[in-house]
Amino acid sequence: MTEAVGLMIRHLFDDPGTELIAMDHFVENWGSRRVIEKNGFHYEGTIRQKVRLYTGEVKDCRCYSITRAEFEALQNQAPITGNA
């Protein structure tokens, strides 16, 4: 999933008009949090009671963003290897 999200980010930044990508996830979804953070997004904050589900339950969301410059800097870093 981490790789798929990375490919989507690269695709979105292929558009020269895209300067920022933002995304969020339900606070209890630790898998999404890990995928988002591994792709270089920065935590911006939590929006309380952002979503009301069809069941009536209200959910808080953690919000993240990454700029084009941040993404490009990550792409230019040398890959980390196990041979240090």
N, C-alpha and C. Protein backbone atom coordinates (compact mmCIF):
# COMPACT_ATOMS: atom_id res chain seq x y z
N MET A 1 0.83 -1.18 0.00
CA MET A 1 0.00 0.00 0.00
C MET A 1 0.88 1.25 0.00
N THR A 2 1.97 1.21 0.73
CA THR A 2 2.87 2.36 0.78
C THR A 2 3.37 2.71 -0.61
N GLU A 3 3.74 1.70 -1.37
CA GLU A 3 4.24 1.94 -2.73
C GLU A 3 3.13 2.48 -3.64
N ALA A 4 1.93 1.96 -3.50
CA ALA A 4 0.81 2.43 -4.32
C ALA A 4 0.50 3.91 -4.04
N VAL A 5 0.53 4.29 -2.78
CA VAL A 5 0.29 5.69 -2.42
C VAL A 5 1.43 6.55 -2.99
N GLY A 6 2.65 6.08 -2.91
CA GLY A 6 3.79 6.81 -3.46
C GLY A 6 3.64 7.05 -4.95
N LEU A 7 3.16 6.04 -5.67
CA LEU A 7 2.94 6.20 -7.11
C LEU A 7 1.84 7.21 -7.40
N MET A 8 0.79 7.20 -6.59
CA MET A 8 -0.29 8.17 -6.77
C MET A 8 0.20 9.59 -6.51
N ILE A 9 1.03 9.76 -5.49
CA ILE A 9 1.59 11.09 -5.18
C ILE A 9 2.43 11.56 -6.37
N ARG A 10 3.28 10.70 -6.89
CA ARG A 10 4.11 11.05 -8.04
C ARG A 10 3.23 11.46 -9.22
N HIS A 11 2.18 10.70 -9.45
CA HIS A 11 1.26 11.01 -10.54
C HIS A 11 0.61 12.39 -10.33
N LEU A 12 0.17 12.68 -9.13
CA LEU A 12 -0.47 13.97 -8.85
C LEU A 12 0.51 15.13 -9.05
N PHE A 13 1.76 14.94 -8.65
CA PHE A 13 2.76 16.00 -8.82
C PHE A 13 3.25 16.10 -10.27
N ASP A 14 2.90 15.15 -11.13
CA ASP A 14 3.20 15.29 -12.56
C ASP A 14 2.47 16.49 -13.16
N ASP A 15 1.36 16.87 -12.54
CA ASP A 15 0.62 18.06 -12.97
C ASP A 15 1.36 19.28 -12.44
N PRO A 16 1.87 20.15 -13.33
CA PRO A 16 2.66 21.29 -12.87
C PRO A 16 1.87 22.27 -12.01
N GLY A 17 0.56 22.18 -12.00
CA GLY A 17 -0.25 23.07 -11.17
C GLY A 17 -0.42 22.59 -9.74
N THR A 18 0.00 21.36 -9.46
CA THR A 18 -0.15 20.81 -8.11
C THR A 18 1.05 21.20 -7.26
N GLU A 19 0.81 21.91 -6.19
CA GLU A 19 1.88 22.33 -5.28
C GLU A 19 1.75 21.70 -3.90
N LEU A 20 0.57 21.17 -3.58
CA LEU A 20 0.34 20.60 -2.25
C LEU A 20 -0.67 19.47 -2.37
N ILE A 21 -0.41 18.39 -1.64
CA ILE A 21 -1.37 17.30 -1.54
C ILE A 21 -1.70 17.14 -0.06
N ALA A 22 -2.97 17.06 0.23
CA ALA A 22 -3.42 16.86 1.61
C ALA A 22 -4.27 15.60 1.68
N MET A 23 -4.19 14.90 2.79
CA MET A 23 -5.03 13.72 3.01
C MET A 23 -5.27 13.55 4.50
N ASP A 24 -6.27 12.76 4.79
CA ASP A 24 -6.55 12.49 6.20
C ASP A 24 -7.03 11.05 6.38
N HIS A 25 -7.10 10.64 7.63
CA HIS A 25 -7.59 9.30 7.97
C HIS A 25 -8.26 9.35 9.33
N PHE A 26 -9.11 8.35 9.59
CA PHE A 26 -9.73 8.26 10.92
C PHE A 26 -8.63 8.04 11.95
N VAL A 27 -8.75 8.68 13.10
CA VAL A 27 -7.68 8.65 14.10
C VAL A 27 -7.29 7.24 14.53
N GLU A 28 -8.23 6.31 14.53
CA GLU A 28 -7.91 4.97 15.01
C GLU A 28 -7.30 4.07 13.93
N ASN A 29 -7.14 4.56 12.71
CA ASN A 29 -6.62 3.76 11.62
C ASN A 29 -5.10 3.89 11.56
N TRP A 30 -4.41 3.06 12.35
CA TRP A 30 -2.95 3.14 12.47
C TRP A 30 -2.25 2.71 11.20
N GLY A 31 -2.85 1.81 10.42
CA GLY A 31 -2.24 1.39 9.16
C GLY A 31 -2.15 2.54 8.17
N SER A 32 -3.25 3.29 8.05
CA SER A 32 -3.23 4.46 7.15
C SER A 32 -2.22 5.48 7.63
N ARG A 33 -2.16 5.68 8.93
CA ARG A 33 -1.20 6.65 9.48
C ARG A 33 0.22 6.28 9.06
N ARG A 34 0.57 5.01 9.18
CA ARG A 34 1.92 4.56 8.85
C ARG A 34 2.21 4.75 7.37
N VAL A 35 1.27 4.40 6.50
CA VAL A 35 1.47 4.55 5.06
C VAL A 35 1.68 6.02 4.70
N ILE A 36 0.84 6.88 5.25
CA ILE A 36 0.93 8.32 4.97
C ILE A 36 2.28 8.88 5.42
N GLU A 37 2.68 8.55 6.65
CA GLU A 37 3.94 9.07 7.18
C GLU A 37 5.14 8.51 6.43
N LYS A 38 5.10 7.24 6.01
CA LYS A 38 6.21 6.66 5.25
C LYS A 38 6.38 7.34 3.91
N ASN A 39 5.33 7.96 3.40
CA ASN A 39 5.40 8.67 2.12
C ASN A 39 5.78 10.14 2.29
N GLY A 40 6.18 10.54 3.49
CA GLY A 40 6.74 11.86 3.68
C GLY A 40 5.76 12.96 4.06
N PHE A 41 4.51 12.61 4.30
CA PHE A 41 3.52 13.62 4.69
C PHE A 41 3.79 14.11 6.10
N HIS A 42 3.44 15.36 6.35
CA HIS A 42 3.61 15.97 7.67
C HIS A 42 2.25 16.11 8.35
N TYR A 43 2.22 15.76 9.62
CA TYR A 43 0.98 15.86 10.41
C TYR A 43 0.64 17.33 10.61
N GLU A 44 -0.58 17.71 10.26
CA GLU A 44 -1.03 19.10 10.38
C GLU A 44 -1.94 19.31 11.60
N GLY A 45 -2.67 18.28 11.98
CA GLY A 45 -3.57 18.41 13.12
C GLY A 45 -4.73 17.44 13.01
N THR A 46 -5.57 17.46 14.01
CA THR A 46 -6.74 16.61 14.05
C THR A 46 -7.99 17.46 13.95
N ILE A 47 -8.87 17.07 13.05
CA ILE A 47 -10.17 17.74 12.94
C ILE A 47 -11.18 16.86 13.67
N ARG A 48 -11.71 17.42 14.73
CA ARG A 48 -12.66 16.67 15.54
C ARG A 48 -14.03 16.63 14.87
N GLN A 49 -14.65 15.47 14.97
CA GLN A 49 -16.01 15.25 14.46
C GLN A 49 -16.14 15.63 12.99
N LYS A 50 -15.16 15.27 12.19
CA LYS A 50 -15.14 15.65 10.77
C LYS A 50 -16.16 14.87 9.94
N VAL A 51 -16.34 13.59 10.26
CA VAL A 51 -17.16 12.72 9.42
C VAL A 51 -18.26 12.07 10.24
N ARG A 52 -19.46 12.07 9.69
CA ARG A 52 -20.55 11.30 10.28
C ARG A 52 -20.82 10.11 9.37
N LEU A 53 -20.66 8.90 9.91
CA LEU A 53 -20.87 7.69 9.15
C LEU A 53 -22.36 7.41 8.97
N TYR A 54 -22.68 6.53 8.05
CA TYR A 54 -24.08 6.18 7.81
C TYR A 54 -24.73 5.58 9.05
N THR A 55 -23.92 5.06 9.96
CA THR A 55 -24.44 4.49 11.21
C THR A 55 -24.78 5.58 12.23
N GLY A 56 -24.37 6.81 11.94
CA GLY A 56 -24.58 7.91 12.87
C GLY A 56 -23.36 8.21 13.72
N GLU A 57 -22.37 7.30 13.70
CA GLU A 57 -21.15 7.51 14.48
C GLU A 57 -20.36 8.68 13.89
N VAL A 58 -19.79 9.50 14.77
CA VAL A 58 -18.99 10.65 14.34
C VAL A 58 -17.52 10.32 14.56
N LYS A 59 -16.68 10.62 13.57
CA LYS A 59 -15.26 10.27 13.62
C LYS A 59 -14.38 11.50 13.53
N ASP A 60 -13.27 11.46 14.28
CA ASP A 60 -12.22 12.47 14.17
C ASP A 60 -11.23 12.00 13.09
N CYS A 61 -10.57 12.96 12.43
CA CYS A 61 -9.59 12.63 11.39
C CYS A 61 -8.27 13.35 11.65
N ARG A 62 -7.17 12.63 11.42
CA ARG A 62 -5.83 13.22 11.45
C ARG A 62 -5.52 13.72 10.05
N CYS A 63 -5.03 14.94 9.92
CA CYS A 63 -4.78 15.57 8.63
C CYS A 63 -3.28 15.71 8.38
N TYR A 64 -2.89 15.47 7.12
CA TYR A 64 -1.49 15.51 6.70
C TYR A 64 -1.38 16.26 5.38
N SER A 65 -0.17 16.76 5.08
CA SER A 65 0.09 17.36 3.78
C SER A 65 1.55 17.18 3.40
N ILE A 66 1.81 17.33 2.10
CA ILE A 66 3.17 17.33 1.57
C ILE A 66 3.20 18.32 0.41
N THR A 67 4.26 19.11 0.35
CA THR A 67 4.42 20.06 -0.74
C THR A 67 5.24 19.43 -1.86
N ARG A 68 5.18 20.03 -3.02
CA ARG A 68 5.99 19.56 -4.14
C ARG A 68 7.48 19.56 -3.77
N ALA A 69 7.95 20.64 -3.14
CA ALA A 69 9.36 20.74 -2.76
C ALA A 69 9.75 19.64 -1.78
N GLU A 70 8.90 19.34 -0.82
CA GLU A 70 9.20 18.27 0.13
C GLU A 70 9.27 16.92 -0.58
N PHE A 71 8.32 16.67 -1.47
CA PHE A 71 8.30 15.41 -2.21
C PHE A 71 9.55 15.27 -3.08
N GLU A 72 9.91 16.34 -3.78
CA GLU A 72 11.10 16.28 -4.64
C GLU A 72 12.37 16.05 -3.82
N ALA A 73 12.45 16.66 -2.64
CA ALA A 73 13.61 16.45 -1.77
C ALA A 73 13.70 14.99 -1.34
N LEU A 74 12.57 14.37 -1.05
CA LEU A 74 12.56 12.95 -0.68
C LEU A 74 13.00 12.08 -1.85
N GLN A 75 12.60 12.44 -3.06
CA GLN A 75 12.96 11.66 -4.24
C GLN A 75 14.46 11.73 -4.53
N ASN A 76 15.10 12.82 -4.10
CA ASN A 76 16.52 13.01 -4.37
C ASN A 76 17.43 12.41 -3.31
N GLN A 77 16.85 11.89 -2.23
CA GLN A 77 17.66 11.27 -1.17
C GLN A 77 18.16 9.92 -1.64
N ALA A 78 19.37 9.58 -1.21
CA ALA A 78 19.91 8.26 -1.54
C ALA A 78 19.15 7.20 -0.75
N PRO A 79 18.86 6.06 -1.37
CA PRO A 79 18.16 5.00 -0.66
C PRO A 79 18.97 4.49 0.53
N ILE A 80 18.30 4.13 1.58
CA ILE A 80 18.94 3.61 2.79
C ILE A 80 19.19 2.12 2.59
N THR A 81 20.41 1.69 2.86
CA THR A 81 20.74 0.27 2.74
C THR A 81 21.15 -0.26 4.09
N GLY A 82 21.18 -1.57 4.21
CA GLY A 82 21.56 -2.21 5.47
C GLY A 82 23.07 -2.28 5.68
N ASN A 83 23.85 -1.85 4.73
CA ASN A 83 25.31 -1.93 4.83
C ASN A 83 25.89 -0.57 5.22
N ALA A 84 25.96 -0.33 6.50
CA ALA A 84 26.48 0.96 6.97
C ALA A 84 27.91 0.83 7.42
